[in-house]
Amino acid sequence: MRNPNTLKRNLARLGSANAGQALKEQQTESEARVGHIKRELAEHPSKGLTPARLHAILEAAEQGDLRAQHELFVDMEEKDAQISSDLGKRRQAAAELEWQIVPPDNASAQEKAAAEFCAEVFSALEVEDLIIDLGSAIGHGWINLELNWIQRDGKWQITQPEARPHSWFQLHPEDQNALTLRDNSANGADLWPLGWVKHCHRAKAGYKARSGLHRVLAWPYLFQNYAIGDLAELLEIYGIPARLGKYPRNASQKEKGTLLQAVTSLGHSAAGIIPEGMSIEFLQAADGKSDMFQAMISWCERAKSKAILGGTLTSGTGEGTNTNALGNVHERGFDSLIRSDARQYASTIRRDILLPLVMLNFGIDDLNRAPRFYLDVTETEDLKTMSEALPSLVDMGLQIPMWWAHEKTGIPKPQGNEPVLQRMAQPAAALKHQPGIAVLRQQPLPPMAPGAGDELTDQLQQATVDHLRTWIDSIRDIAASAASLEQLRDRLLNAYGDLPGEELTEVMALALTVASARGIRDVAEEAGQLPTQEG
């Protein structure tokens, strides 16, 4: 902002002395302020996790100590392939959407310029990475990204926002929805205005500590770990046949140890040696069943997919229940989640990035007048189906707005005077195979033989009648469906631009050519320069 007084007034609107400081440095840059949390190592609370331990971690988070809960959530994504895959699919689905920044409705020239400026700033960012970072709030419930401000060409801009670990933050003792930066104080440090993108994702209801989807996933994750551990133990015990070693009655302790080592190594190496006089017998392995453990693991996988994606058939965990109809239902549920995610990301970006940008550079401090960020979730219709259906609907008298057709087909509207595709004029079907009309298209026009004009006139008249009949039929249909004279007038005016006129225009041009040629012929006959038709 070139005017320092304007910048001061804009910063004063934020009501915080730290707002100006956020333009100079990041809040986490100070070693004295947060140096201790940067040196902390994760404690990996998933190691040796038990139901009692999990309950204690979740309860501590509700009381304000978020560190163990969110470190557990990180471990869950890292160790559980199902959670990692499904959350990654949901985040990536939103990140792949096309983004757009538009001015508010009825925008002034200044607001349009502000939207164009914000679009230029975002074009220099990795917007897909930004959306993926915001997507981590689906599991955790929230995410804080730190902003870094720079001045370029006299305007304040931002570089790529940086996601900060959840373990760096705590809940304020007096407000369960207020996050502060851990700085060894009881309340923590308030987050600086202009310094953070604070995204709270409503994947589930609840205040900050309980809003993360991972709290739903924690129990299936724990139960599945138990089931997998039990299954591994089952395979260890029942998958390998028992080995029984026999030693002589007077064997020494050393000989017994040698035999035990040989029996043990046979279980994995399938090879070993024993002293003469000793023997090893292989007993039939017990018939252990893994069905109950597999059922538990399958239930946990399906439960996690339902929580993350809204169904099982979009993640491959619905084997045995796959039908096309059910798959479509699950796909629609997944699309609904992505649309909700996209709206929430857009709302946060508008509030915490676009509004500060236009406030500092253009003095716009009303969120409703700030540019809007969009992730395009519009589903386009099949072009072939639309092209076949729309003409029939228009013929029935439906008034279809042009913007609706652009939106449904996904075809952008032309900007300014940029060239657009146009339908090439086709010759009338009735004239395609008429030799007389082919003569008229030759340049220069050959002399017209006696009587040729009448034949050409008949051909042109027939082509004109066909076109006029089409027009009359369309007008008759419109008149039949109109409820009043005013409605008839409006529909006729709307239909005027859609009436096929290119081919009729060509017929009229050829007709003028015939008339001109016949006139020349008549003048020449009267002057005695050409023989008459009788001669």
Protein backbone atom coordinates (compact mmCIF):
# COMPACT_ATOMS: atom_id res chain seq x y z
CA MET A 1 0.00 0.00 0.00
CA ARG A 2 1.62 3.21 -1.14
CA ASN A 3 -0.25 5.40 1.39
CA PRO A 4 1.03 4.57 4.92
CA ASN A 5 -1.93 6.30 6.58
CA THR A 6 -4.38 4.10 4.68
CA LEU A 7 -2.41 1.02 5.76
CA LYS A 8 -2.55 2.13 9.41
CA ARG A 9 -6.30 2.63 9.23
CA ASN A 10 -6.79 -0.81 7.68
CA LEU A 11 -4.63 -2.46 10.35
CA ALA A 12 -6.50 -0.58 13.08
CA ARG A 13 -9.75 -2.16 11.90
CA LEU A 14 -8.37 -5.56 12.99
CA GLY A 15 -8.18 -4.38 16.59
CA SER A 16 -4.78 -5.98 17.31
CA ALA A 17 -1.33 -4.51 17.74
CA ASN A 18 0.17 -7.67 16.23
CA ALA A 19 -1.53 -7.20 12.86
CA GLY A 20 1.27 -4.95 11.60
CA GLN A 21 3.89 -7.31 13.04
CA ALA A 22 2.51 -10.17 10.92
CA LEU A 23 3.43 -8.19 7.80
CA LYS A 24 7.08 -8.10 8.93
CA GLU A 25 7.66 -11.64 10.15
CA GLN A 26 5.95 -14.94 10.79
CA GLN A 27 4.80 -15.55 14.34
CA THR A 28 6.71 -18.86 14.52
CA GLU A 29 10.01 -17.34 13.37
CA SER A 30 11.03 -16.21 16.84
CA GLU A 31 13.23 -18.80 18.58
CA ALA A 32 12.37 -17.36 21.97
CA ARG A 33 8.68 -17.58 21.26
CA VAL A 34 8.26 -21.14 19.94
CA GLY A 35 11.77 -22.59 19.76
CA HIS A 36 10.91 -25.38 22.20
CA ILE A 37 8.08 -26.82 20.09
CA LYS A 38 10.26 -26.89 16.97
CA ARG A 39 12.71 -29.19 18.77
CA GLU A 40 10.06 -31.59 20.08
CA LEU A 41 10.04 -35.14 18.76
CA ALA A 42 6.78 -37.00 18.19
CA GLU A 43 5.98 -39.48 20.93
CA HIS A 44 3.98 -41.82 18.63
CA PRO A 45 1.13 -42.62 21.03
CA SER A 46 -0.08 -45.39 18.69
CA LYS A 47 2.73 -47.60 19.99
CA GLY A 48 1.22 -50.09 22.44
CA LEU A 49 -2.20 -48.44 22.12
CA THR A 50 -4.94 -49.96 24.30
CA PRO A 51 -8.59 -49.04 24.78
CA ALA A 52 -7.78 -47.46 28.13
CA ARG A 53 -4.90 -45.48 26.66
CA LEU A 54 -7.01 -44.31 23.70
CA HIS A 55 -9.78 -43.16 26.04
CA ALA A 56 -7.25 -41.19 28.10
CA ILE A 57 -5.82 -39.48 24.99
CA LEU A 58 -9.23 -38.41 23.71
CA GLU A 59 -10.31 -37.19 27.13
CA ALA A 60 -7.11 -35.15 27.60
CA ALA A 61 -7.78 -33.42 24.26
CA GLU A 62 -11.22 -32.36 25.45
CA GLN A 63 -9.54 -30.74 28.45
CA GLY A 64 -7.20 -28.69 26.25
CA ASP A 65 -4.12 -30.93 25.77
CA LEU A 66 -4.27 -31.61 22.05
CA ARG A 67 -0.75 -32.85 21.46
CA ALA A 68 -1.20 -36.60 22.08
CA GLN A 69 -4.50 -36.75 20.18
CA HIS A 70 -3.14 -35.16 17.03
CA GLU A 71 0.12 -37.11 17.13
CA LEU A 72 -2.03 -40.23 17.30
CA PHE A 73 -4.01 -39.02 14.29
CA VAL A 74 -0.77 -38.58 12.33
CA ASP A 75 0.29 -42.12 13.26
CA MET A 76 -3.08 -43.48 12.13
CA GLU A 77 -2.70 -41.99 8.65
CA GLU A 78 0.89 -43.21 8.47
CA LYS A 79 0.29 -46.79 9.62
CA ASP A 80 -3.18 -47.57 8.28
CA ALA A 81 -3.30 -48.00 4.50
CA GLN A 82 -7.10 -47.78 4.37
CA ILE A 83 -7.25 -44.45 6.22
CA SER A 84 -4.37 -43.01 4.20
CA SER A 85 -5.88 -44.11 0.88
CA ASP A 86 -9.44 -42.93 1.52
CA LEU A 87 -8.46 -39.58 3.03
CA GLY A 88 -5.98 -39.04 0.21
CA LYS A 89 -8.69 -39.77 -2.34
CA ARG A 90 -11.07 -37.29 -0.73
CA ARG A 91 -8.45 -34.54 -0.47
CA GLN A 92 -7.19 -35.08 -4.01
CA ALA A 93 -10.71 -35.03 -5.47
CA ALA A 94 -11.16 -31.44 -4.27
CA ALA A 95 -7.61 -30.38 -5.13
CA GLU A 96 -8.08 -31.39 -8.77
CA LEU A 97 -11.07 -29.07 -9.26
CA GLU A 98 -10.62 -25.95 -11.37
CA TRP A 99 -10.45 -22.78 -9.27
CA GLN A 100 -11.67 -19.30 -10.07
CA ILE A 101 -11.68 -15.91 -8.35
CA VAL A 102 -14.59 -13.62 -9.25
CA PRO A 103 -15.74 -10.19 -8.01
CA PRO A 104 -18.89 -9.89 -5.88
CA ASP A 105 -22.30 -9.26 -7.42
CA ASN A 106 -22.82 -5.77 -8.86
CA ALA A 107 -19.10 -5.11 -8.44
CA SER A 108 -17.64 -1.63 -8.78
CA ALA A 109 -14.57 -0.93 -10.90
CA GLN A 110 -12.41 -1.07 -7.76
CA GLU A 111 -13.86 -4.44 -6.73
CA LYS A 112 -13.27 -5.86 -10.20
CA ALA A 113 -9.68 -4.65 -10.09
CA ALA A 114 -9.28 -6.25 -6.65
CA ALA A 115 -10.53 -9.61 -8.00
CA GLU A 116 -8.11 -9.45 -10.92
CA PHE A 117 -5.24 -8.69 -8.53
CA CYS A 118 -6.13 -11.65 -6.28
CA ALA A 119 -6.29 -13.95 -9.31
CA GLU A 120 -2.77 -12.83 -10.29
CA VAL A 121 -1.50 -13.56 -6.77
CA PHE A 122 -3.07 -17.03 -6.76
CA SER A 123 -1.69 -17.84 -10.20
CA ALA A 124 1.79 -17.69 -8.59
CA LEU A 125 0.78 -20.11 -5.80
CA GLU A 126 0.44 -23.90 -5.82
CA VAL A 127 -3.31 -23.85 -5.26
CA GLU A 128 -3.54 -27.65 -5.39
CA ASP A 129 -1.03 -27.92 -2.52
CA LEU A 130 -3.02 -25.31 -0.59
CA ILE A 131 -6.23 -27.34 -0.96
CA ILE A 132 -4.48 -30.56 0.09
CA ASP A 133 -3.09 -28.82 3.19
CA LEU A 134 -6.55 -27.53 4.08
CA GLY A 135 -7.84 -31.07 3.52
CA SER A 136 -5.87 -32.38 6.50
CA ALA A 137 -8.55 -30.68 8.61
CA ILE A 138 -11.00 -33.39 7.54
CA GLY A 139 -9.34 -35.85 9.89
CA HIS A 140 -8.00 -33.46 12.51
CA GLY A 141 -10.96 -31.09 12.54
CA TRP A 142 -8.83 -28.01 11.92
CA ILE A 143 -5.55 -26.84 10.39
CA ASN A 144 -3.56 -23.62 10.73
CA LEU A 145 -1.47 -22.38 7.82
CA GLU A 146 0.95 -19.53 8.40
CA LEU A 147 1.12 -16.65 5.93
CA ASN A 148 4.26 -14.90 4.76
CA TRP A 149 3.77 -11.37 3.42
CA ILE A 150 5.96 -9.61 0.87
CA GLN A 151 5.76 -6.31 -1.00
CA ARG A 152 5.97 -6.40 -4.76
CA ASP A 153 5.30 -3.49 -7.14
CA GLY A 154 4.00 -1.42 -4.23
CA LYS A 155 1.36 -3.99 -3.19
CA TRP A 156 1.19 -6.53 -0.39
CA GLN A 157 1.20 -10.12 -1.60
CA ILE A 158 1.63 -13.56 -0.02
CA THR A 159 3.85 -16.52 -0.76
CA GLN A 160 2.79 -20.16 -0.41
CA PRO A 161 1.03 -20.65 2.98
CA GLU A 162 2.82 -23.15 5.24
CA ALA A 163 0.91 -25.80 7.22
CA ARG A 164 2.03 -25.96 10.86
CA PRO A 165 1.89 -29.19 12.94
CA HIS A 166 -1.21 -29.61 15.07
CA SER A 167 0.96 -30.35 18.09
CA TRP A 168 2.14 -26.72 18.08
CA PHE A 169 -1.26 -25.52 19.30
CA GLN A 170 -3.45 -25.84 22.37
CA LEU A 171 -6.97 -24.91 23.42
CA HIS A 172 -7.51 -21.74 25.40
CA PRO A 173 -8.58 -22.71 28.96
CA GLU A 174 -11.58 -20.38 28.80
CA ASP A 175 -12.74 -21.13 25.25
CA GLN A 176 -12.92 -24.64 23.81
CA ASN A 177 -13.09 -23.25 20.27
CA ALA A 178 -10.07 -20.90 20.54
CA LEU A 179 -6.67 -22.23 19.48
CA THR A 180 -3.47 -20.61 20.72
CA LEU A 181 0.20 -21.16 19.98
CA ARG A 182 2.04 -23.10 22.68
CA ASP A 183 4.59 -20.76 24.25
CA ASN A 184 5.03 -22.26 27.77
CA SER A 185 2.30 -20.01 29.16
CA ALA A 186 -0.97 -21.25 30.62
CA ASN A 187 -3.15 -19.71 27.92
CA GLY A 188 -0.76 -19.82 24.98
CA ALA A 189 -0.12 -16.99 22.51
CA ASP A 190 -3.04 -15.62 20.50
CA LEU A 191 -2.62 -16.11 16.75
CA TRP A 192 -1.77 -12.86 14.98
CA PRO A 193 -4.37 -11.33 12.64
CA LEU A 194 -3.15 -11.40 9.00
CA GLY A 195 -0.69 -14.13 10.03
CA TRP A 196 -2.77 -17.29 9.71
CA VAL A 197 -5.25 -19.21 7.58
CA LYS A 198 -7.43 -20.85 10.26
CA HIS A 199 -9.53 -23.56 8.70
CA CYS A 200 -12.06 -25.50 10.77
CA HIS A 201 -13.62 -28.32 8.76
CA ARG A 202 -17.13 -29.45 9.64
CA ALA A 203 -16.66 -33.13 8.85
CA LYS A 204 -18.56 -33.84 12.06
CA ALA A 205 -20.27 -31.71 14.68
CA GLY A 206 -18.51 -30.68 17.86
CA TYR A 207 -16.09 -28.13 19.22
CA LYS A 208 -12.44 -28.02 18.17
CA ALA A 209 -11.15 -31.04 20.11
CA ARG A 210 -14.02 -33.28 18.95
CA SER A 211 -14.59 -32.04 15.39
CA GLY A 212 -12.03 -34.30 13.70
CA LEU A 213 -13.13 -37.32 11.72
CA HIS A 214 -10.18 -39.24 13.18
CA ARG A 215 -12.02 -39.50 16.47
CA VAL A 216 -14.55 -41.69 14.67
CA LEU A 217 -11.76 -43.68 13.00
CA ALA A 218 -9.68 -44.21 16.16
CA TRP A 219 -11.78 -47.11 17.46
CA PRO A 220 -11.93 -49.14 14.22
CA TYR A 221 -8.20 -48.48 13.89
CA LEU A 222 -7.59 -49.90 17.38
CA PHE A 223 -9.89 -52.91 16.92
CA GLN A 224 -8.28 -53.74 13.58
CA ASN A 225 -4.81 -53.65 15.14
CA TYR A 226 -5.97 -56.18 17.74
CA ALA A 227 -7.51 -58.39 15.05
CA ILE A 228 -4.37 -58.27 12.89
CA GLY A 229 -2.18 -59.06 15.91
CA ASP A 230 -4.36 -62.02 16.84
CA LEU A 231 -4.34 -63.25 13.25
CA ALA A 232 -0.56 -63.02 13.12
CA GLU A 233 -0.35 -65.01 16.35
CA LEU A 234 -2.74 -67.60 14.92
CA LEU A 235 -0.54 -68.02 11.85
CA GLU A 236 2.52 -68.28 14.06
CA ILE A 237 0.99 -71.00 16.22
CA TYR A 238 -1.14 -72.98 13.80
CA GLY A 239 0.45 -72.26 10.47
CA ILE A 240 3.67 -74.15 11.18
CA PRO A 241 3.55 -77.82 12.25
CA ALA A 242 4.88 -78.66 15.70
CA ARG A 243 8.34 -80.26 15.87
CA LEU A 244 9.14 -82.81 18.59
CA GLY A 245 12.78 -83.68 19.27
CA LYS A 246 13.81 -86.87 21.03
CA TYR A 247 17.16 -87.35 22.75
CA PRO A 248 18.68 -90.43 24.46
CA ARG A 249 18.14 -91.00 28.14
CA ASN A 250 21.74 -90.20 29.05
CA ALA A 251 22.03 -87.05 26.89
CA SER A 252 23.97 -84.10 28.37
CA GLN A 253 22.68 -80.56 28.70
CA LYS A 254 24.83 -79.51 25.75
CA GLU A 255 23.31 -82.23 23.57
CA LYS A 256 19.81 -81.21 24.65
CA GLY A 257 20.57 -77.59 23.73
CA THR A 258 21.85 -78.67 20.33
CA LEU A 259 18.66 -80.61 19.67
CA LEU A 260 16.45 -77.68 20.79
CA GLN A 261 18.32 -75.31 18.48
CA ALA A 262 17.88 -77.72 15.57
CA VAL A 263 14.13 -78.09 16.21
CA THR A 264 13.73 -74.31 16.39
CA SER A 265 15.65 -73.61 13.20
CA LEU A 266 13.64 -76.23 11.30
CA GLY A 267 10.52 -74.10 11.75
CA HIS A 268 11.88 -71.28 9.57
CA SER A 269 14.99 -72.51 7.81
CA ALA A 270 13.73 -76.02 7.05
CA ALA A 271 17.28 -77.29 7.63
CA GLY A 272 19.36 -78.37 10.60
CA ILE A 273 21.68 -81.03 12.05
CA ILE A 274 21.43 -83.19 15.16
CA PRO A 275 23.80 -85.71 16.79
CA GLU A 276 23.48 -89.40 15.94
CA GLY A 277 21.02 -91.17 18.17
CA MET A 278 18.58 -88.23 18.31
CA SER A 279 15.40 -87.84 16.22
CA ILE A 280 12.83 -85.18 15.24
CA GLU A 281 9.15 -85.84 14.57
CA PHE A 282 6.78 -83.43 12.74
CA LEU A 283 3.28 -83.39 14.20
CA GLN A 284 0.22 -82.38 12.14
CA ALA A 285 -0.54 -78.67 12.54
CA ALA A 286 -3.68 -77.82 14.47
CA ASP A 287 -6.65 -76.77 12.35
CA GLY A 288 -6.92 -73.11 13.39
CA LYS A 289 -9.66 -70.94 11.82
CA SER A 290 -8.99 -67.35 10.74
CA ASP A 291 -12.57 -66.55 9.72
CA MET A 292 -13.43 -64.60 12.86
CA PHE A 293 -10.33 -62.42 12.59
CA GLN A 294 -10.91 -61.78 8.88
CA ALA A 295 -14.51 -60.78 9.64
CA MET A 296 -13.31 -58.29 12.25
CA ILE A 297 -10.71 -56.81 9.91
CA SER A 298 -13.29 -56.54 7.11
CA TRP A 299 -15.76 -54.77 9.41
CA CYS A 300 -13.12 -52.25 10.47
CA GLU A 301 -12.16 -51.54 6.84
CA ARG A 302 -15.79 -50.94 5.85
CA ALA A 303 -16.43 -48.74 8.90
CA LYS A 304 -13.49 -46.49 8.03
CA SER A 305 -14.55 -46.18 4.38
CA LYS A 306 -18.10 -45.27 5.36
CA ALA A 307 -16.85 -42.54 7.69
CA ILE A 308 -14.41 -41.03 5.18
CA LEU A 309 -16.07 -41.53 1.79
CA GLY A 310 -19.70 -42.03 2.74
CA GLY A 311 -19.77 -45.60 1.35
CA THR A 312 -17.73 -48.70 0.65
CA LEU A 313 -18.00 -49.18 -3.12
CA THR A 314 -15.80 -46.16 -3.89
CA SER A 315 -12.88 -47.65 -1.94
CA GLY A 316 -12.96 -51.35 -2.86
CA THR A 317 -14.18 -52.57 0.54
CA GLY A 318 -17.65 -53.59 -0.61
CA GLU A 319 -16.81 -56.93 -2.23
CA GLY A 320 -19.81 -59.19 -2.59
CA THR A 321 -22.34 -56.33 -2.63
CA ASN A 322 -21.38 -54.63 -5.89
CA THR A 323 -24.27 -53.62 -8.15
CA ASN A 324 -24.44 -50.81 -10.66
CA ALA A 325 -27.36 -49.12 -8.88
CA LEU A 326 -25.71 -49.33 -5.47
CA GLY A 327 -22.44 -48.10 -6.93
CA ASN A 328 -24.20 -45.04 -8.35
CA VAL A 329 -25.73 -44.30 -4.93
CA HIS A 330 -22.31 -44.47 -3.27
CA GLU A 331 -20.79 -42.30 -6.02
CA ARG A 332 -23.44 -39.62 -5.47
CA GLY A 333 -22.72 -39.69 -1.74
CA PHE A 334 -19.02 -39.19 -2.42
CA ASP A 335 -19.73 -36.30 -4.81
CA SER A 336 -21.87 -34.67 -2.11
CA LEU A 337 -18.93 -34.80 0.33
CA ILE A 338 -16.58 -33.24 -2.22
CA ARG A 339 -19.01 -30.39 -2.90
CA SER A 340 -19.25 -29.72 0.84
CA ASP A 341 -15.45 -29.80 1.19
CA ALA A 342 -15.03 -27.40 -1.74
CA ARG A 343 -17.47 -24.88 -0.26
CA GLN A 344 -15.71 -24.96 3.10
CA TYR A 345 -12.27 -24.48 1.55
CA ALA A 346 -13.58 -21.57 -0.54
CA SER A 347 -15.12 -19.88 2.50
CA THR A 348 -11.86 -20.05 4.48
CA ILE A 349 -9.75 -18.81 1.57
CA ARG A 350 -12.06 -15.86 1.01
CA ARG A 351 -12.05 -14.91 4.71
CA ASP A 352 -8.37 -15.43 5.61
CA ILE A 353 -6.56 -14.74 2.30
CA LEU A 354 -8.64 -12.74 -0.17
CA LEU A 355 -10.12 -10.31 2.36
CA PRO A 356 -6.69 -9.39 3.85
CA LEU A 357 -5.28 -8.95 0.33
CA VAL A 358 -7.97 -6.51 -0.78
CA MET A 359 -8.11 -4.79 2.61
CA LEU A 360 -4.39 -3.96 2.55
CA ASN A 361 -4.22 -3.04 -1.14
CA PHE A 362 -7.67 -1.63 -1.96
CA GLY A 363 -9.19 -0.64 1.38
CA ILE A 364 -12.08 -3.16 1.07
CA ASP A 365 -12.86 -4.35 4.60
CA ASP A 366 -16.32 -5.87 4.07
CA LEU A 367 -16.22 -9.65 3.60
CA ASN A 368 -19.36 -9.49 1.45
CA ARG A 369 -17.56 -7.18 -1.01
CA ALA A 370 -14.36 -9.21 -1.14
CA PRO A 371 -13.67 -11.39 -4.19
CA ARG A 372 -15.07 -14.91 -4.09
CA PHE A 373 -13.02 -18.07 -4.47
CA TYR A 374 -14.66 -20.97 -6.30
CA LEU A 375 -13.80 -24.60 -6.85
CA ASP A 376 -15.83 -25.69 -9.85
CA VAL A 377 -17.92 -28.72 -8.86
CA THR A 378 -20.36 -28.36 -11.78
CA GLU A 379 -21.12 -31.63 -13.52
CA THR A 380 -21.37 -31.09 -17.27
CA GLU A 381 -23.96 -32.88 -19.36
CA ASP A 382 -23.22 -35.11 -22.33
CA LEU A 383 -22.85 -32.81 -25.35
CA LYS A 384 -24.43 -35.25 -27.80
CA THR A 385 -27.49 -35.71 -25.59
CA MET A 386 -27.82 -31.96 -25.02
CA SER A 387 -27.50 -31.15 -28.74
CA GLU A 388 -30.31 -33.58 -29.54
CA ALA A 389 -32.61 -32.53 -26.69
CA LEU A 390 -32.35 -28.73 -26.74
CA PRO A 391 -33.76 -28.10 -30.26
CA SER A 392 -36.83 -30.18 -29.43
CA LEU A 393 -37.35 -28.36 -26.15
CA VAL A 394 -37.03 -24.98 -27.86
CA ASP A 395 -39.49 -26.06 -30.55
CA MET A 396 -41.96 -26.86 -27.75
CA GLY A 397 -41.79 -23.24 -26.67
CA LEU A 398 -39.48 -23.55 -23.66
CA GLN A 399 -37.47 -20.40 -23.01
CA ILE A 400 -33.99 -21.66 -22.12
CA PRO A 401 -31.45 -19.05 -20.89
CA MET A 402 -28.13 -19.04 -22.72
CA TRP A 403 -26.14 -19.03 -19.44
CA TRP A 404 -27.84 -22.28 -18.40
CA ALA A 405 -26.75 -24.01 -21.60
CA HIS A 406 -23.17 -22.80 -21.10
CA GLU A 407 -23.18 -24.04 -17.51
CA LYS A 408 -24.61 -27.46 -18.32
CA THR A 409 -22.27 -28.11 -21.24
CA GLY A 410 -19.21 -26.65 -19.55
CA ILE A 411 -18.53 -24.45 -22.60
CA PRO A 412 -17.18 -21.04 -21.49
CA LYS A 413 -18.76 -17.83 -22.70
CA PRO A 414 -16.66 -15.85 -25.23
CA GLN A 415 -14.82 -12.90 -23.77
CA GLY A 416 -14.86 -9.59 -25.63
CA ASN A 417 -14.46 -9.93 -29.38
CA GLU A 418 -12.60 -13.22 -29.41
CA PRO A 419 -13.43 -15.42 -32.42
CA VAL A 420 -16.06 -18.11 -31.97
CA LEU A 421 -17.01 -21.21 -33.92
CA GLN A 422 -19.90 -20.72 -36.33
CA ARG A 423 -22.03 -23.15 -38.31
CA MET A 424 -21.13 -23.19 -41.99
CA ALA A 425 -24.01 -22.38 -44.31
CA GLN A 426 -25.16 -25.53 -46.12
CA PRO A 427 -26.84 -25.49 -49.53
CA ALA A 428 -30.55 -26.24 -49.60
CA ALA A 429 -31.26 -29.95 -49.89
CA ALA A 430 -33.61 -29.33 -52.79
CA LEU A 431 -30.86 -27.58 -54.76
CA LYS A 432 -27.95 -29.97 -54.23
CA HIS A 433 -28.60 -32.08 -57.31
CA GLN A 434 -30.10 -29.51 -59.67
CA PRO A 435 -27.86 -28.98 -62.73
CA GLY A 436 -29.37 -25.61 -63.45
CA ILE A 437 -28.35 -24.23 -60.05
CA ALA A 438 -24.82 -25.54 -60.57
CA VAL A 439 -24.64 -23.35 -63.68
CA LEU A 440 -25.56 -20.26 -61.66
CA ARG A 441 -22.61 -20.84 -59.28
CA GLN A 442 -20.10 -20.63 -62.14
CA GLN A 443 -18.15 -17.42 -62.57
CA PRO A 444 -18.53 -15.80 -65.00
CA LEU A 445 -22.18 -16.66 -65.68
CA PRO A 446 -22.53 -18.44 -69.07
CA PRO A 447 -25.11 -17.23 -71.62
CA MET A 448 -28.62 -18.38 -70.74
CA ALA A 449 -30.23 -20.64 -73.33
CA PRO A 450 -33.83 -20.01 -74.35
CA GLY A 451 -36.34 -21.48 -71.87
CA ALA A 452 -33.64 -22.12 -69.21
CA GLY A 453 -34.95 -19.33 -66.99
CA ASP A 454 -38.32 -21.01 -66.53
CA GLU A 455 -36.70 -24.28 -65.42
CA LEU A 456 -34.45 -22.46 -62.92
CA THR A 457 -37.36 -20.45 -61.59
CA ASP A 458 -39.32 -23.62 -60.91
CA GLN A 459 -36.36 -25.15 -59.04
CA LEU A 460 -35.84 -22.05 -56.90
CA GLN A 461 -39.54 -21.76 -56.16
CA GLN A 462 -39.68 -25.37 -54.93
CA ALA A 463 -36.67 -24.80 -52.62
CA THR A 464 -38.27 -21.64 -51.26
CA VAL A 465 -41.55 -23.43 -50.58
CA ASP A 466 -39.72 -26.12 -48.55
CA HIS A 467 -38.09 -23.49 -46.33
CA LEU A 468 -41.23 -21.49 -45.87
CA ARG A 469 -43.15 -24.64 -44.97
CA THR A 470 -40.61 -25.34 -42.18
CA TRP A 471 -41.03 -21.79 -40.88
CA ILE A 472 -44.81 -21.99 -41.02
CA ASP A 473 -44.84 -25.31 -39.14
CA SER A 474 -42.65 -23.82 -36.38
CA ILE A 475 -44.87 -20.74 -36.09
CA ARG A 476 -48.00 -22.92 -36.05
CA ASP A 477 -46.59 -24.97 -33.12
CA ILE A 478 -45.71 -21.79 -31.21
CA ALA A 479 -49.20 -20.34 -31.77
CA ALA A 480 -50.85 -23.58 -30.62
CA SER A 481 -48.96 -23.62 -27.32
CA ALA A 482 -49.29 -19.89 -26.52
CA ALA A 483 -51.78 -19.01 -23.79
CA SER A 484 -52.12 -15.32 -24.71
CA LEU A 485 -51.27 -12.82 -27.42
CA GLU A 486 -48.47 -11.42 -25.26
CA GLN A 487 -46.98 -14.89 -24.85
CA LEU A 488 -47.30 -15.51 -28.60
CA ARG A 489 -45.49 -12.23 -29.30
CA ASP A 490 -42.65 -13.04 -26.89
CA ARG A 491 -42.20 -16.56 -28.24
CA LEU A 492 -42.15 -15.36 -31.84
CA LEU A 493 -39.50 -12.78 -30.96
CA ASN A 494 -37.41 -15.41 -29.16
CA ALA A 495 -37.76 -17.88 -32.02
CA TYR A 496 -36.80 -15.33 -34.68
CA GLY A 497 -33.06 -15.76 -34.15
CA ASP A 498 -33.30 -19.55 -34.26
CA LEU A 499 -35.17 -19.85 -37.60
CA PRO A 500 -32.90 -21.46 -40.23
CA GLY A 501 -32.15 -18.63 -42.62
CA GLU A 502 -28.79 -19.45 -44.17
CA GLU A 503 -30.12 -21.79 -46.84
CA LEU A 504 -33.06 -19.50 -47.70
CA THR A 505 -30.60 -16.61 -48.07
CA GLU A 506 -28.67 -18.64 -50.64
CA VAL A 507 -31.90 -19.45 -52.53
CA MET A 508 -32.81 -15.75 -52.64
CA ALA A 509 -29.32 -14.83 -53.89
CA LEU A 510 -29.59 -17.40 -56.66
CA ALA A 511 -33.06 -16.12 -57.50
CA LEU A 512 -31.69 -12.61 -57.95
CA THR A 513 -29.01 -14.02 -60.21
CA VAL A 514 -31.66 -15.77 -62.33
CA ALA A 515 -33.72 -12.59 -62.51
CA SER A 516 -30.70 -10.60 -63.62
CA ALA A 517 -29.79 -13.18 -66.27
CA ARG A 518 -33.34 -13.27 -67.60
CA GLY A 519 -33.42 -9.48 -67.75
CA ILE A 520 -30.24 -9.42 -69.79
CA ARG A 521 -31.72 -12.11 -72.04
CA ASP A 522 -34.96 -10.15 -72.61
CA VAL A 523 -33.07 -6.94 -73.45
CA ALA A 524 -30.90 -8.77 -75.94
CA GLU A 525 -33.93 -10.39 -77.61
CA GLU A 526 -35.69 -7.02 -77.96
CA ALA A 527 -32.57 -5.55 -79.56
CA GLY A 528 -32.46 -8.40 -82.06
CA GLN A 529 -29.08 -9.57 -80.78
CA LEU A 530 -30.36 -13.05 -79.85
CA PRO A 531 -32.87 -15.32 -81.50
CA THR A 532 -36.29 -15.43 -79.92
CA GLN A 533 -37.61 -18.53 -78.20
CA GLU A 534 -39.82 -19.21 -81.25
CA GLY A 535 -36.79 -19.01 -83.53
